[in-house]
Amino acid sequence: MSLLPKADMHVHLNAVWTVDLLERFLFENRDALEAIPESERSREDWRALSKLKAAAVLVEALKLRGDEQWSGRPDFRAFLIDVIEKAAAARGKEMPVGLNDMKTHELFHQVYGMAVDAIRTPANMEELTFDYLRRAHEQGVVYTEISTSALNNVRADDPDAAAAYEKNMDAICRAIQRANKKFGIEARVIVTDKRHLGPRKAAELLDMCLDHRRKSWLAKKYVTGWGMAGDEHQFSLGDFAETFKKAKASGLGTTVHVGEVPSTDVSEIKQAIEVLGVDRIGHGIKAATDEATLELIRNNGVAVEQCPTSNYLLEEVINGNPSEHPLNRFRKAGCDVVLGSDDPALLFPSGQNTAHGIADEYAHIGRNLGLSARERIALTRNAINHAFIDSRTRRKLLRKVHEQELAYYRSNKMGRDFSHGSSRFSRRVAAHVAHIPTHRKKAARAACHM
C-alpha cells in the first residue's frame, strides 16, 4: 500500500536513534575508552566513562519499555524522573532533589543529554544519519531537514573544535548522499546553535559552518540552514542579529526555536521575524493566541514548524489535552504550517528498529486534530515550498509529492479521480503559493509545468 507523502522539518539528529543502535554505540565507545590503560586515561576519558554509565541506564529503561507508547504526560514524567535517579546512582552521584518540582522539558533535557554522550564519533554520526533516513523513507518521508551542531562531545574551549566539526559534518553529509542514492529520500542539514551558550559561540559555530562549506562540496550541497535552539530565557534574540544576518547573506535559510515554552513572551516571536529575519519559526506555540503575531507571521511568509507530540509531552500545550494543540489555529489564521517529529527516539519509544516518529505525527493530526489526508498532504507541500533547497530540487520534490499523493489515493481506494491531476495540481500549487515568500513562488509554480 502506498504511503501518504510526508516531510519531517524539525528533527534533532541526537534523538533519532533506535535503542538497538544507541546500545551498540554505547558498547563500542565504552570498549574503546576501557582499552586505554588507566594510567594513560585523561580526565575527559574518565568523565566520558562515567557519562556512559548514565547512557546505559537510559538504554535499559527503554528496552524494558519496548514499543509501548506514552499513555500521557504523567507517564512520560515518571519515566524521566526514574531514569535520572537511577543514572545518578549508577554514577555514584548524590541523588538529585526537587525533580518532582521541575518542568517536564527540564527533565527531558537531562535524559536527552545521556543519549548524546553515547554518540561520540564521526562513524556514529554517519551511521545514525543513514539509519534515520532509511527509517524515514519507510514511513513515506520524501524530504527532511536535520538539526545538529555536529559538535557532539566537543568541549566549548577545545582548540580543535573546527576540525571535529568538519569530520562530523562530512560524516553526516556522506550518509545523506548514500541514503539519497539508495532510497531516493532528500535531506538537508540545519547547523543549530545553542542559545544559552551566547552570541560569541554562535558566531564561532557559524564561521566553522561557512568555512567548511567553502572547502567541501558535500557541505555546500547538504548544509543549507542555520538555526538556534536552547534555553529561550538566556540572552536577547537581538544579541544574535549579526550572526543571523551573516547566515542569510551567505545563502543559508534560517529558523529559530522560539515561543516553545509557556513562560516565553510572545514578543520573542516578533523579534525573531523583525530582528533576526528568520524564514521559519520552530514551535512558536505562544503566537497561536495572539492575533497581531499571527498576522505578522502570515504577512511575512514565515512558516511555523509544529511538533504536536513534543509540545504535549513537554508541557508546551498547557492544558494537557493533545487534541487542543494549536496547529489548527495557525492554519485558520492563514499561516503556513510544516510538521516535525522533534526528538522521536524519546517521544516515540521503539524497542527494536520500529519506524516511529513523523508517521505518528501525521497520524496524530488526522486522528486528534481532524485533518484529512488531503490537508495533511498540504502540510507536506508547505514543507517543500519552505525547505532550504534550490529551485530544481524543490520542483522535483513537489512533483514527487504529487505522484505519491495519487498513488496513495489509488492504493487506498478513496474514490478520487486523479486521472487528469496535472491541471488540478497546478491549481493547488497556485493557491498554495499565495502566502509564501516571493523568491519561492516561481519555483513552486514551475512545478506545475514539469
Protein backbone atom coordinates (compact mmCIF):
# COMPACT_ATOMS: atom_id res chain seq x y z
CA MET A 1 0.00 0.00 0.00
CA SER A 2 1.36 3.44 -0.92
CA LEU A 3 2.16 5.78 1.94
CA LEU A 4 0.95 9.32 2.41
CA PRO A 5 3.86 11.61 1.36
CA LYS A 6 5.50 13.22 4.37
CA ALA A 7 8.21 15.71 5.31
CA ASP A 8 9.99 15.98 8.67
CA MET A 9 11.02 19.62 9.01
CA HIS A 10 12.00 19.80 12.67
CA VAL A 11 14.09 16.90 13.95
CA HIS A 12 17.27 16.75 16.03
CA LEU A 13 19.94 14.29 14.94
CA ASN A 14 20.88 13.40 18.51
CA ALA A 15 17.38 11.99 19.10
CA VAL A 16 16.71 9.88 16.00
CA TRP A 17 18.36 6.65 17.19
CA THR A 18 16.73 3.32 17.87
CA VAL A 19 17.51 1.65 21.18
CA ASP A 20 19.49 -1.10 19.46
CA LEU A 21 21.67 1.43 17.66
CA LEU A 22 22.27 3.58 20.74
CA GLU A 23 23.21 0.47 22.73
CA ARG A 24 25.77 -0.53 20.13
CA PHE A 25 27.29 2.96 20.12
CA LEU A 26 27.43 2.80 23.91
CA PHE A 27 29.26 -0.57 23.94
CA GLU A 28 31.69 0.41 21.16
CA ASN A 29 32.65 3.70 22.80
CA ARG A 30 32.89 2.20 26.27
CA ASP A 31 35.14 -0.60 24.98
CA ALA A 32 37.37 1.94 23.22
CA LEU A 33 37.75 4.00 26.38
CA GLU A 34 38.33 0.98 28.61
CA ALA A 35 41.05 -0.22 26.23
CA ILE A 36 43.11 2.79 27.25
CA PRO A 37 45.37 1.85 30.21
CA GLU A 38 44.08 3.52 33.37
CA SER A 39 47.39 5.31 33.89
CA GLU A 40 47.05 6.92 30.45
CA ARG A 41 43.42 7.99 30.64
CA SER A 42 42.77 11.71 30.63
CA ARG A 43 40.28 13.44 32.86
CA GLU A 44 37.97 13.64 29.84
CA ASP A 45 38.26 9.86 29.34
CA TRP A 46 37.21 9.19 32.93
CA ARG A 47 34.37 11.69 32.65
CA ALA A 48 33.18 10.07 29.41
CA LEU A 49 33.15 6.61 31.02
CA SER A 50 31.08 7.96 33.90
CA LYS A 51 28.59 9.54 31.50
CA LEU A 52 28.27 6.29 29.58
CA LYS A 53 27.01 4.65 32.77
CA ALA A 54 24.07 7.05 32.64
CA ALA A 55 23.53 6.26 28.96
CA ALA A 56 23.43 2.56 29.86
CA VAL A 57 20.66 3.25 32.37
CA LEU A 58 18.62 5.00 29.68
CA VAL A 59 19.13 2.14 27.23
CA GLU A 60 17.99 -0.47 29.76
CA ALA A 61 14.93 1.59 30.72
CA LEU A 62 13.88 1.91 27.08
CA LYS A 63 14.50 -1.78 26.37
CA LEU A 64 12.18 -2.66 29.23
CA ARG A 65 9.52 -0.35 27.85
CA GLY A 66 9.73 -1.76 24.33
CA ASP A 67 7.31 -0.30 21.79
CA GLU A 68 4.81 0.86 24.40
CA GLN A 69 3.95 4.49 23.68
CA TRP A 70 3.44 7.06 26.43
CA SER A 71 -0.07 6.99 27.89
CA GLY A 72 0.22 10.68 28.71
CA ARG A 73 2.39 13.35 30.26
CA PRO A 74 2.38 11.83 33.81
CA ASP A 75 3.68 8.54 32.39
CA PHE A 76 6.43 10.38 30.48
CA ARG A 77 7.44 12.45 33.53
CA ALA A 78 7.62 9.37 35.74
CA PHE A 79 9.92 7.68 33.22
CA LEU A 80 12.24 10.69 33.02
CA ILE A 81 12.50 11.03 36.80
CA ASP A 82 13.16 7.31 37.23
CA VAL A 83 15.97 7.39 34.65
CA ILE A 84 17.58 10.47 36.20
CA GLU A 85 17.55 8.93 39.68
CA LYS A 86 18.93 5.58 38.51
CA ALA A 87 21.61 7.29 36.40
CA ALA A 88 22.78 9.29 39.42
CA ALA A 89 23.06 6.07 41.43
CA ALA A 90 24.95 4.32 38.63
CA ARG A 91 27.49 7.13 38.50
CA GLY A 92 27.85 7.30 42.29
CA LYS A 93 26.45 10.82 42.35
CA GLU A 94 24.26 12.37 45.01
CA MET A 95 20.59 11.66 44.48
CA PRO A 96 19.08 14.72 42.76
CA VAL A 97 16.47 16.62 44.75
CA GLY A 98 13.45 18.59 43.59
CA LEU A 99 12.85 16.54 40.45
CA ASN A 100 9.10 16.50 41.01
CA ASP A 101 9.12 20.30 41.00
CA MET A 102 10.98 20.60 37.69
CA LYS A 103 9.27 21.29 34.39
CA THR A 104 8.99 18.29 32.10
CA HIS A 105 11.19 19.89 29.45
CA GLU A 106 13.92 20.41 32.08
CA LEU A 107 13.79 16.73 33.00
CA PHE A 108 13.75 15.80 29.33
CA HIS A 109 16.95 17.66 28.50
CA GLN A 110 18.82 15.83 31.25
CA VAL A 111 17.82 12.48 29.77
CA TYR A 112 18.42 13.72 26.21
CA GLY A 113 21.99 14.53 27.23
CA MET A 114 22.56 10.95 28.34
CA ALA A 115 21.94 9.72 24.80
CA VAL A 116 24.18 12.41 23.30
CA ASP A 117 27.05 11.15 25.47
CA ALA A 118 26.89 7.77 23.69
CA ILE A 119 27.12 9.30 20.17
CA ARG A 120 30.79 10.16 20.21
CA THR A 121 32.45 9.60 16.82
CA PRO A 122 32.05 10.62 13.17
CA ALA A 123 31.32 6.96 12.40
CA ASN A 124 28.48 7.03 14.94
CA MET A 125 27.03 10.15 13.36
CA GLU A 126 27.24 8.74 9.84
CA GLU A 127 25.53 5.50 10.78
CA LEU A 128 22.91 7.33 12.85
CA THR A 129 22.06 9.67 9.97
CA PHE A 130 21.82 6.88 7.40
CA ASP A 131 19.71 4.69 9.70
CA TYR A 132 17.32 7.57 10.42
CA LEU A 133 16.93 8.31 6.71
CA ARG A 134 16.27 4.63 5.97
CA ARG A 135 13.51 4.55 8.57
CA ALA A 136 12.14 7.91 7.43
CA HIS A 137 11.91 6.57 3.88
CA GLU A 138 9.99 3.55 5.22
CA GLN A 139 7.49 6.00 6.75
CA GLY A 140 6.85 7.72 3.41
CA VAL A 141 9.12 10.71 4.02
CA VAL A 142 10.26 12.40 0.82
CA TYR A 143 12.21 15.22 2.49
CA THR A 144 13.67 16.04 5.89
CA GLU A 145 15.85 18.72 7.46
CA ILE A 146 18.12 17.52 10.27
CA SER A 147 19.22 19.87 13.04
CA THR A 148 22.67 19.42 14.59
CA SER A 149 25.66 21.39 15.81
CA ALA A 150 27.94 18.50 14.70
CA LEU A 151 29.90 19.10 17.92
CA ASN A 152 28.95 16.05 19.97
CA ASN A 153 31.24 15.64 22.98
CA VAL A 154 33.44 18.55 21.95
CA ARG A 155 34.33 20.90 24.79
CA ALA A 156 33.35 24.53 24.31
CA ASP A 157 37.00 25.56 24.76
CA ASP A 158 38.51 22.80 22.58
CA PRO A 159 41.10 24.35 20.22
CA ASP A 160 40.38 21.55 17.73
CA ALA A 161 36.63 22.16 17.65
CA ALA A 162 36.65 23.24 14.00
CA ALA A 163 38.43 20.05 12.90
CA ALA A 164 35.96 17.94 14.91
CA TYR A 165 33.05 19.82 13.36
CA GLU A 166 34.32 19.13 9.84
CA LYS A 167 34.86 15.41 10.46
CA ASN A 168 31.39 15.04 11.97
CA MET A 169 29.65 17.09 9.31
CA ASP A 170 31.44 15.27 6.50
CA ALA A 171 30.17 12.00 8.01
CA ILE A 172 26.60 13.31 8.17
CA CYS A 173 26.74 14.57 4.58
CA ARG A 174 28.12 11.26 3.31
CA ALA A 175 25.20 9.48 4.95
CA ILE A 176 22.72 11.86 3.30
CA GLN A 177 24.32 11.27 -0.08
CA ARG A 178 24.25 7.47 0.35
CA ALA A 179 20.63 7.49 1.51
CA ASN A 180 19.61 9.62 -1.45
CA LYS A 181 21.23 7.18 -3.87
CA LYS A 182 19.77 4.11 -2.19
CA PHE A 183 16.28 5.28 -1.17
CA GLY A 184 15.64 8.47 -3.14
CA ILE A 185 14.99 10.46 0.03
CA GLU A 186 16.21 14.07 0.07
CA ALA A 187 17.70 15.60 3.23
CA ARG A 188 19.49 18.75 4.26
CA VAL A 189 21.25 19.91 7.44
CA ILE A 190 20.45 22.90 9.63
CA VAL A 191 23.50 23.80 11.71
CA THR A 192 21.93 24.55 15.05
CA ASP A 193 23.45 26.72 17.76
CA LYS A 194 22.54 26.60 21.45
CA ARG A 195 21.17 29.95 22.55
CA HIS A 196 22.32 29.60 26.17
CA LEU A 197 25.97 29.41 25.05
CA GLY A 198 25.75 33.03 23.96
CA PRO A 199 26.38 35.09 20.81
CA ARG A 200 30.16 34.57 20.75
CA LYS A 201 29.82 30.78 20.50
CA ALA A 202 27.10 31.21 17.90
CA ALA A 203 29.41 33.33 15.77
CA GLU A 204 32.21 30.76 16.13
CA LEU A 205 29.92 27.89 15.07
CA LEU A 206 28.66 29.84 12.06
CA ASP A 207 32.25 30.58 11.00
CA MET A 208 33.02 26.83 11.19
CA CYS A 209 29.96 26.15 9.07
CA LEU A 210 30.72 28.73 6.39
CA ASP A 211 34.42 27.84 6.22
CA HIS A 212 33.55 24.18 5.79
CA ARG A 213 31.02 24.96 3.06
CA ARG A 214 33.77 26.81 1.18
CA LYS A 215 36.06 23.77 1.37
CA SER A 216 33.65 20.86 0.93
CA TRP A 217 31.28 20.42 -1.99
CA LEU A 218 29.26 17.93 0.09
CA ALA A 219 28.77 20.53 2.81
CA LYS A 220 27.95 23.17 0.21
CA LYS A 221 25.21 20.92 -1.16
CA TYR A 222 23.71 19.50 2.00
CA VAL A 223 24.30 22.11 4.72
CA THR A 224 21.72 24.72 3.78
CA GLY A 225 20.29 26.08 7.03
CA TRP A 226 21.22 27.94 10.19
CA GLY A 227 19.15 27.66 13.34
CA MET A 228 19.14 28.19 17.08
CA ALA A 229 17.69 26.07 19.87
CA GLY A 230 18.44 26.07 23.61
CA ASP A 231 17.17 27.95 26.65
CA GLU A 232 14.81 30.70 25.48
CA HIS A 233 15.36 32.67 28.68
CA GLN A 234 19.08 33.17 28.07
CA PHE A 235 20.27 36.23 26.14
CA SER A 236 18.18 38.51 23.95
CA LEU A 237 17.44 37.49 20.38
CA GLY A 238 18.90 40.81 19.36
CA ASP A 239 22.28 39.58 20.61
CA PHE A 240 22.29 37.12 17.70
CA ALA A 241 21.15 39.56 14.98
CA GLU A 242 24.57 39.85 13.33
CA THR A 243 25.03 36.09 13.24
CA PHE A 244 21.66 35.55 11.56
CA LYS A 245 22.32 38.41 9.16
CA LYS A 246 25.63 36.81 8.17
CA ALA A 247 24.00 33.39 7.75
CA LYS A 248 21.30 34.82 5.47
CA ALA A 249 23.85 36.79 3.45
CA SER A 250 25.76 33.53 2.92
CA GLY A 251 22.69 31.89 1.41
CA LEU A 252 21.54 29.82 4.38
CA GLY A 253 17.87 29.51 5.28
CA THR A 254 17.17 30.45 8.89
CA THR A 255 14.96 29.19 11.69
CA VAL A 256 14.86 29.62 15.45
CA HIS A 257 13.22 27.81 18.36
CA VAL A 258 11.07 30.47 19.99
CA GLY A 259 7.71 30.65 21.73
CA GLU A 260 8.05 26.98 22.62
CA VAL A 261 7.77 27.09 26.41
CA PRO A 262 4.76 28.66 28.17
CA SER A 263 6.90 31.18 30.06
CA THR A 264 8.27 32.74 26.86
CA ASP A 265 6.88 36.17 25.99
CA VAL A 266 5.11 36.36 22.63
CA SER A 267 7.25 39.40 21.78
CA GLU A 268 10.13 36.97 21.23
CA ILE A 269 8.39 35.70 18.10
CA LYS A 270 8.06 39.24 16.80
CA GLN A 271 11.78 39.79 17.39
CA ALA A 272 12.61 36.56 15.58
CA ILE A 273 10.82 37.85 12.48
CA GLU A 274 11.68 41.56 12.61
CA VAL A 275 15.17 41.44 14.16
CA LEU A 276 16.57 38.09 13.03
CA GLY A 277 14.59 37.95 9.78
CA VAL A 278 14.00 34.21 10.03
CA ASP A 279 12.36 32.16 7.29
CA ARG A 280 10.71 29.77 9.76
CA ILE A 281 9.74 29.62 13.43
CA GLY A 282 10.42 26.49 15.46
CA HIS A 283 7.32 25.71 17.56
CA GLY A 284 6.02 29.26 18.11
CA ILE A 285 3.18 27.97 20.31
CA LYS A 286 2.81 31.31 22.10
CA ALA A 287 1.75 33.03 18.87
CA ALA A 288 -1.39 30.94 18.49
CA THR A 289 -3.49 33.12 20.79
CA ASP A 290 -2.10 36.49 19.70
CA GLU A 291 -3.81 37.87 16.60
CA ALA A 292 -1.17 40.52 15.92
CA THR A 293 1.63 37.95 15.94
CA LEU A 294 -0.35 35.56 13.74
CA GLU A 295 -0.83 38.39 11.26
CA LEU A 296 2.90 39.18 11.38
CA ILE A 297 3.77 35.55 10.66
CA ARG A 298 1.30 35.35 7.79
CA ASN A 299 2.24 38.68 6.19
CA ASN A 300 5.95 37.87 6.25
CA GLY A 301 5.51 34.43 4.69
CA VAL A 302 7.14 32.74 7.69
CA ALA A 303 6.37 29.05 8.12
CA VAL A 304 5.69 27.60 11.57
CA GLU A 305 7.27 24.25 12.46
CA GLN A 306 4.80 22.32 14.60
CA CYS A 307 5.67 19.24 16.71
CA PRO A 308 2.40 18.27 18.43
CA THR A 309 3.59 15.25 20.43
CA SER A 310 6.64 17.11 21.71
CA ASN A 311 4.55 20.13 22.66
CA TYR A 312 2.08 17.93 24.55
CA LEU A 313 4.56 15.75 26.42
CA LEU A 314 6.94 18.59 27.26
CA GLU A 315 4.18 20.85 28.65
CA GLU A 316 4.02 23.46 25.91
CA VAL A 317 0.32 22.63 25.46
CA ILE A 318 -0.55 23.71 28.98
CA ASN A 319 -3.97 22.14 29.44
CA GLY A 320 -2.56 18.69 28.78
CA ASN A 321 -5.05 17.75 26.09
CA PRO A 322 -3.29 16.63 22.87
CA SER A 323 -6.44 17.31 20.82
CA GLU A 324 -6.20 21.02 21.66
CA HIS A 325 -2.79 21.60 20.12
CA PRO A 326 -2.88 25.00 18.37
CA LEU A 327 -1.76 23.72 14.95
CA ASN A 328 -5.23 24.40 13.53
CA ARG A 329 -5.23 27.94 14.88
CA PHE A 330 -2.20 28.69 12.74
CA ARG A 331 -3.86 27.11 9.72
CA LYS A 332 -7.10 29.05 10.21
CA ALA A 333 -5.11 32.28 10.54
CA GLY A 334 -3.60 31.64 7.09
CA CYS A 335 -0.12 30.73 8.32
CA ASP A 336 1.86 28.02 6.55
CA VAL A 337 2.39 25.08 8.89
CA VAL A 338 5.01 22.35 8.49
CA LEU A 339 5.35 19.25 10.66
CA GLY A 340 8.26 17.86 12.68
CA SER A 341 8.96 14.89 14.95
CA ASP A 342 11.44 16.88 17.09
CA ASP A 343 13.05 14.15 19.24
CA PRO A 344 11.45 10.91 18.04
CA ALA A 345 13.71 8.47 19.88
CA LEU A 346 12.37 9.61 23.25
CA LEU A 347 8.93 10.88 22.26
CA PHE A 348 8.01 7.72 20.33
CA PRO A 349 9.68 4.73 22.08
CA SER A 350 10.84 1.95 19.78
CA GLY A 351 12.19 -1.20 21.37
CA GLN A 352 13.83 -2.51 18.21
CA ASN A 353 14.04 -0.91 14.77
CA THR A 354 10.42 0.18 14.58
CA ALA A 355 9.82 3.19 12.34
CA HIS A 356 8.25 5.57 14.85
CA GLY A 357 8.36 9.33 14.51
CA ILE A 358 6.95 11.59 11.85
CA ALA A 359 4.45 8.94 10.67
CA ASP A 360 2.98 9.04 14.19
CA GLU A 361 2.65 12.82 13.95
CA TYR A 362 0.84 12.66 10.63
CA ALA A 363 -1.49 10.01 12.08
CA HIS A 364 -1.98 12.06 15.25
CA ILE A 365 -3.09 15.23 13.46
CA GLY A 366 -5.52 13.17 11.42
CA ARG A 367 -6.94 11.32 14.39
CA ASN A 368 -6.91 14.03 17.08
CA LEU A 369 -6.89 17.31 15.14
CA GLY A 370 -9.24 16.28 12.35
CA LEU A 371 -7.01 16.86 9.31
CA SER A 372 -7.98 14.88 6.24
CA ALA A 373 -5.42 13.07 4.10
CA ARG A 374 -5.56 15.93 1.62
CA GLU A 375 -4.97 18.51 4.37
CA ARG A 376 -2.04 16.53 5.74
CA ILE A 377 -0.51 16.28 2.29
CA ALA A 378 -0.91 20.05 2.03
CA LEU A 379 1.43 20.32 5.03
CA THR A 380 3.98 18.24 3.12
CA ARG A 381 3.64 20.60 0.19
CA ASN A 382 4.09 23.54 2.56
CA ALA A 383 7.29 21.90 3.76
CA ILE A 384 8.73 21.61 0.27
CA ASN A 385 7.88 25.23 -0.52
CA HIS A 386 9.57 26.42 2.68
CA ALA A 387 12.50 24.00 2.53
CA PHE A 388 16.08 25.23 2.40
CA ILE A 389 16.76 23.82 -1.06
CA ASP A 390 17.49 25.00 -4.58
CA SER A 391 14.67 25.54 -7.08
CA ARG A 392 15.47 22.43 -9.10
CA THR A 393 15.22 20.18 -6.05
CA ARG A 394 12.04 21.97 -5.00
CA ARG A 395 10.39 21.30 -8.37
CA LYS A 396 11.45 17.65 -8.28
CA LEU A 397 10.07 17.17 -4.77
CA LEU A 398 6.77 18.89 -5.49
CA ARG A 399 6.29 16.53 -8.41
CA LYS A 400 7.23 13.56 -6.23
CA VAL A 401 4.71 14.59 -3.58
CA HIS A 402 2.04 14.86 -6.27
CA GLU A 403 2.85 11.42 -7.69
CA GLN A 404 2.94 9.83 -4.25
CA GLU A 405 -0.37 11.52 -3.42
CA LEU A 406 -2.00 9.96 -6.49
CA ALA A 407 -0.58 6.54 -5.62
CA TYR A 408 -1.80 6.92 -2.04
CA TYR A 409 -5.38 7.67 -3.08
CA ARG A 410 -5.43 4.88 -5.63
CA SER A 411 -3.96 2.22 -3.32
CA ASN A 412 -6.31 3.22 -0.53
CA LYS A 413 -9.28 3.20 -2.93
CA MET A 414 -10.53 6.54 -1.73
CA GLY A 415 -12.75 7.02 -4.76
CA ARG A 416 -10.97 10.09 -6.09
CA ASP A 417 -10.41 10.54 -9.80
CA PHE A 418 -6.95 12.00 -10.33
CA SER A 419 -6.51 10.74 -13.88
CA HIS A 420 -6.38 14.37 -15.01
CA GLY A 421 -4.42 15.51 -11.99
CA SER A 422 -1.98 17.84 -13.71
CA SER A 423 -4.37 20.78 -14.01
CA ARG A 424 -5.68 20.18 -10.50
CA PHE A 425 -2.11 20.02 -9.23
CA SER A 426 -1.44 23.35 -10.95
CA ARG A 427 -4.43 24.96 -9.26
CA ARG A 428 -3.48 23.59 -5.83
CA VAL A 429 0.08 24.87 -6.12
CA ALA A 430 -1.11 28.24 -7.41
CA ALA A 431 -3.46 28.58 -4.45
CA HIS A 432 -0.79 27.44 -2.03
CA VAL A 433 1.91 29.89 -3.06
CA ALA A 434 -0.27 32.90 -2.33
CA HIS A 435 1.33 33.33 1.09
CA ILE A 436 4.87 32.10 0.59
CA PRO A 437 7.88 34.40 0.05
CA THR A 438 8.27 35.84 -3.43
CA HIS A 439 11.62 34.17 -4.11
CA ARG A 440 9.98 30.75 -3.62
CA LYS A 441 6.79 31.34 -5.65
CA LYS A 442 8.45 30.87 -9.03
CA ALA A 443 9.92 27.53 -8.01
CA ALA A 444 6.60 26.29 -6.68
CA ARG A 445 4.64 27.38 -9.73
CA ALA A 446 7.26 25.96 -12.08
CA ALA A 447 6.48 22.52 -10.73
CA CYS A 448 3.08 22.75 -12.40
CA HIS A 449 4.70 22.66 -15.84
CA MET A 450 7.14 19.80 -15.41
